[in-house]
Protein backbone atom coordinates (compact mmCIF):
# COMPACT_ATOMS: atom_id res chain seq x y z
CA MET A 1 -35.67 -68.75 87.50
CA LYS A 2 -32.39 -67.24 88.68
CA LEU A 3 -30.43 -68.74 85.78
CA ARG A 4 -32.94 -67.32 83.33
CA ASN A 5 -32.62 -63.85 84.87
CA LYS A 6 -28.82 -64.03 84.66
CA LYS A 7 -29.00 -64.96 80.99
CA TRP A 8 -31.27 -61.99 80.29
CA MET A 9 -28.99 -59.70 82.26
CA LEU A 10 -26.05 -60.98 80.20
CA VAL A 11 -27.89 -60.45 76.99
CA ALA A 12 -28.95 -56.96 78.08
CA ALA A 13 -25.38 -56.10 79.11
CA MET A 14 -24.03 -57.29 75.75
CA ALA A 15 -26.66 -55.30 73.90
CA VAL A 16 -25.72 -52.14 75.89
CA MET A 17 -22.01 -52.80 75.14
CA MET A 18 -22.76 -53.20 71.45
CA VAL A 19 -24.75 -49.97 71.37
CA LEU A 20 -22.08 -48.06 73.20
CA THR A 21 -19.31 -49.55 71.00
CA ALA A 22 -21.29 -48.52 67.91
CA CYS A 23 -21.63 -45.00 69.31
CA GLY A 24 -17.90 -44.87 69.89
CA ASP A 25 -17.12 -46.08 66.42
CA SER A 26 -19.28 -43.42 64.72
CA SER A 27 -16.59 -40.76 65.28
CA SER A 28 -14.08 -42.94 63.46
CA GLU A 29 -16.44 -43.03 60.49
CA GLU A 30 -16.12 -39.27 60.02
CA ASN A 31 -15.51 -38.13 56.48
CA LYS A 32 -11.73 -38.20 56.04
CA GLU A 33 -11.70 -37.90 52.24
CA GLY A 34 -13.50 -35.37 50.15
CA ARG A 35 -13.79 -33.26 47.07
CA ILE A 36 -14.06 -29.52 46.43
CA GLY A 37 -17.01 -28.11 48.41
CA ASP A 38 -17.17 -31.01 50.94
CA VAL A 39 -17.03 -30.18 54.66
CA LEU A 40 -14.52 -32.35 56.49
CA HIS A 41 -14.78 -32.68 60.30
CA SER A 42 -11.58 -32.99 62.31
CA GLU A 43 -11.16 -33.19 66.08
CA PHE A 44 -10.65 -29.40 66.22
CA PHE A 45 -12.34 -27.76 63.32
CA ASP A 46 -14.40 -28.20 60.13
CA PHE A 47 -12.84 -27.18 56.85
CA THR A 48 -13.87 -26.91 53.25
CA VAL A 49 -11.70 -26.42 50.15
CA ASN A 50 -14.07 -24.03 48.33
CA SER A 51 -12.13 -23.67 45.06
CA VAL A 52 -8.73 -24.29 43.42
CA TYR A 53 -6.96 -23.31 40.27
CA ILE A 54 -3.48 -23.15 38.86
CA CYS A 55 -1.79 -20.10 37.33
CA ASP A 56 1.65 -18.90 36.24
CA THR A 57 1.68 -15.85 38.54
CA TYR A 58 -0.51 -14.47 41.28
CA GLU A 59 -0.60 -10.74 41.72
CA GLU A 60 3.15 -10.04 41.45
CA TYR A 61 4.38 -13.40 42.74
CA THR A 62 6.07 -15.75 40.28
CA PRO A 63 7.09 -19.27 41.25
CA GLU A 64 10.49 -20.73 40.61
CA ALA A 65 11.33 -22.28 37.16
CA ASP A 66 9.29 -25.36 36.14
CA HIS A 67 6.61 -24.58 38.74
CA LYS A 68 3.20 -22.98 38.77
CA LEU A 69 1.00 -21.74 41.54
CA LEU A 70 -1.87 -23.74 43.01
CA VAL A 71 -4.31 -21.23 44.53
CA SER A 72 -6.85 -22.71 46.95
CA GLU A 73 -9.57 -21.03 48.96
CA LEU A 74 -10.43 -22.64 52.27
CA THR A 75 -13.02 -22.04 54.93
CA ILE A 76 -12.08 -23.19 58.46
CA LYS A 77 -14.51 -23.18 61.42
CA ASN A 78 -13.33 -23.86 65.02
CA THR A 79 -15.63 -26.56 66.47
CA PHE A 80 -13.43 -27.21 69.52
CA ASN A 81 -14.18 -25.94 73.04
CA GLU A 82 -11.37 -23.41 73.13
CA THR A 83 -9.37 -21.06 70.89
CA ILE A 84 -6.97 -23.02 68.71
CA PRO A 85 -3.71 -21.84 67.19
CA MET A 86 -3.62 -22.26 63.41
CA PHE A 87 -0.73 -22.21 60.95
CA ASP A 88 -0.85 -22.10 57.12
CA THR A 89 1.47 -25.14 57.22
CA ASP A 90 -1.28 -27.16 58.91
CA PHE A 91 -2.31 -27.77 55.27
CA GLN A 92 -0.14 -29.14 52.44
CA ALA A 93 -0.69 -29.68 48.73
CA GLN A 94 0.17 -33.26 47.70
CA TRP A 95 0.59 -35.10 44.39
CA ILE A 96 2.01 -38.45 43.29
CA ASP A 97 5.42 -38.16 41.81
CA LYS A 98 5.31 -40.14 38.56
CA ASP A 99 9.01 -41.15 38.70
CA ASP A 100 9.12 -42.76 42.11
CA GLN A 101 5.36 -43.29 42.66
CA LYS A 102 5.55 -41.57 46.11
CA ASN A 103 3.60 -38.66 47.53
CA ALA A 104 5.34 -35.34 47.00
CA PHE A 105 4.15 -32.23 48.79
CA ALA A 106 4.48 -28.47 49.15
CA ASN A 107 3.75 -26.16 52.03
CA PRO A 108 2.11 -22.81 51.35
CA VAL A 109 4.43 -20.06 50.04
CA GLU A 110 6.06 -18.09 52.82
CA THR A 111 5.57 -14.74 51.13
CA MET A 112 2.39 -12.85 51.83
CA VAL A 113 1.20 -12.47 48.25
CA SER A 114 -2.35 -11.20 48.86
CA GLU A 115 -4.42 -9.75 51.65
CA ASP A 116 -6.86 -12.57 50.93
CA GLN A 117 -4.20 -15.14 51.93
CA LEU A 118 -4.48 -16.91 55.28
CA GLU A 119 -1.79 -15.64 57.66
CA SER A 120 1.13 -17.87 58.46
CA GLU A 121 -0.09 -18.02 62.13
CA TYR A 122 -3.36 -17.01 63.74
CA ASP A 123 -5.78 -17.92 66.49
CA LEU A 124 -9.25 -19.24 65.68
CA ALA A 125 -11.70 -18.54 68.53
CA VAL A 126 -14.51 -20.92 69.50
CA ASP A 127 -17.09 -21.03 66.68
CA GLU A 128 -15.05 -18.54 64.64
CA GLU A 129 -14.92 -19.14 60.90
CA LYS A 130 -12.22 -17.79 58.60
CA THR A 131 -11.99 -17.94 54.79
CA GLY A 132 -8.77 -17.28 52.93
CA LEU A 133 -6.27 -18.39 50.31
CA LEU A 134 -3.41 -20.84 50.56
CA ILE A 135 -0.97 -20.61 47.63
CA PHE A 136 1.42 -23.39 46.81
CA GLU A 137 4.26 -23.76 44.33
CA VAL A 138 3.82 -27.11 42.48
CA PRO A 139 5.48 -28.74 39.50
CA LYS A 140 4.07 -27.32 36.21
CA ASP A 141 3.31 -30.73 34.71
CA PHE A 142 0.81 -31.90 37.32
CA THR A 143 -2.92 -31.27 37.61
CA ASP A 144 -4.13 -33.95 40.09
CA PHE A 145 -3.62 -32.84 43.68
CA SER A 146 -4.96 -33.05 47.19
CA ILE A 147 -5.03 -30.55 50.05
CA VAL A 148 -4.06 -32.49 53.17
CA TYR A 149 -4.49 -31.91 56.93
CA LEU A 150 -3.10 -34.28 59.62
CA GLU A 151 -4.36 -34.00 63.20
CA GLU A 152 -1.58 -33.45 65.62
CA PHE A 153 -2.14 -33.49 69.39
CA ASP A 154 -0.30 -31.82 72.31
CA ASN A 155 1.07 -35.20 73.46
CA GLY A 156 2.94 -35.61 70.11
CA GLU A 157 0.54 -38.26 68.72
CA THR A 158 -1.07 -37.84 65.35
CA GLY A 159 -4.72 -38.51 64.55
CA ASN A 160 -6.66 -38.74 61.32
CA LEU A 161 -5.41 -37.68 57.91
CA TYR A 162 -7.90 -35.60 55.88
CA GLU A 163 -7.52 -35.24 52.12
CA VAL A 164 -9.47 -33.25 49.54
CA PHE A 165 -8.80 -34.56 46.00
CA PHE A 166 -9.19 -32.56 42.78
CA THR A 167 -7.94 -31.87 39.32
CA ALA A 168 -6.84 -28.26 39.14
CA LYS A 169 -7.69 -26.25 36.01
CA GLU A 170 -5.89 -23.20 34.68
CA ALA A 171 -7.27 -19.91 36.11
CA SER A 172 -8.94 -18.95 32.80
CA GLU A 173 -10.64 -22.41 32.56
CA SER A 174 -11.91 -22.37 36.21
CA MET A 175 -13.28 -18.82 36.31
């Protein structure tokens, strides 16, 4: 009888471990890839790329030669348990360079082009949500992009990479 009880205890312990392991794995199954309008869930915040388009100029800002502007609207909501510092450079625009088949990227423009633009640095309070523009200079002959966020922790380690993929249309086509 004692051997039988030990076997059942071992089976029960294994079942509990499997359930707990499955629960632990569910966070690693978070959505890390998305499309326009999808909500992506990072360790610190949720974010959505609401819309994107490309244009030759935005308000009075003109990109350098052979470039155009990629205008993206994002909504970011703090889901962490404290205020988090945010930077516009937390997000990048990426594309595949056709010549060397590697990812190329751009950070948001440094110039404040519009009052609708996300600031270069700001704090996001617990449960606070902010919507604004990120504007990137990108090569004029590309239309397939992604907006990318990489989790970075205080200890210097990096976490998950989140990408929102899309084909950007000219402003007149997307409006």
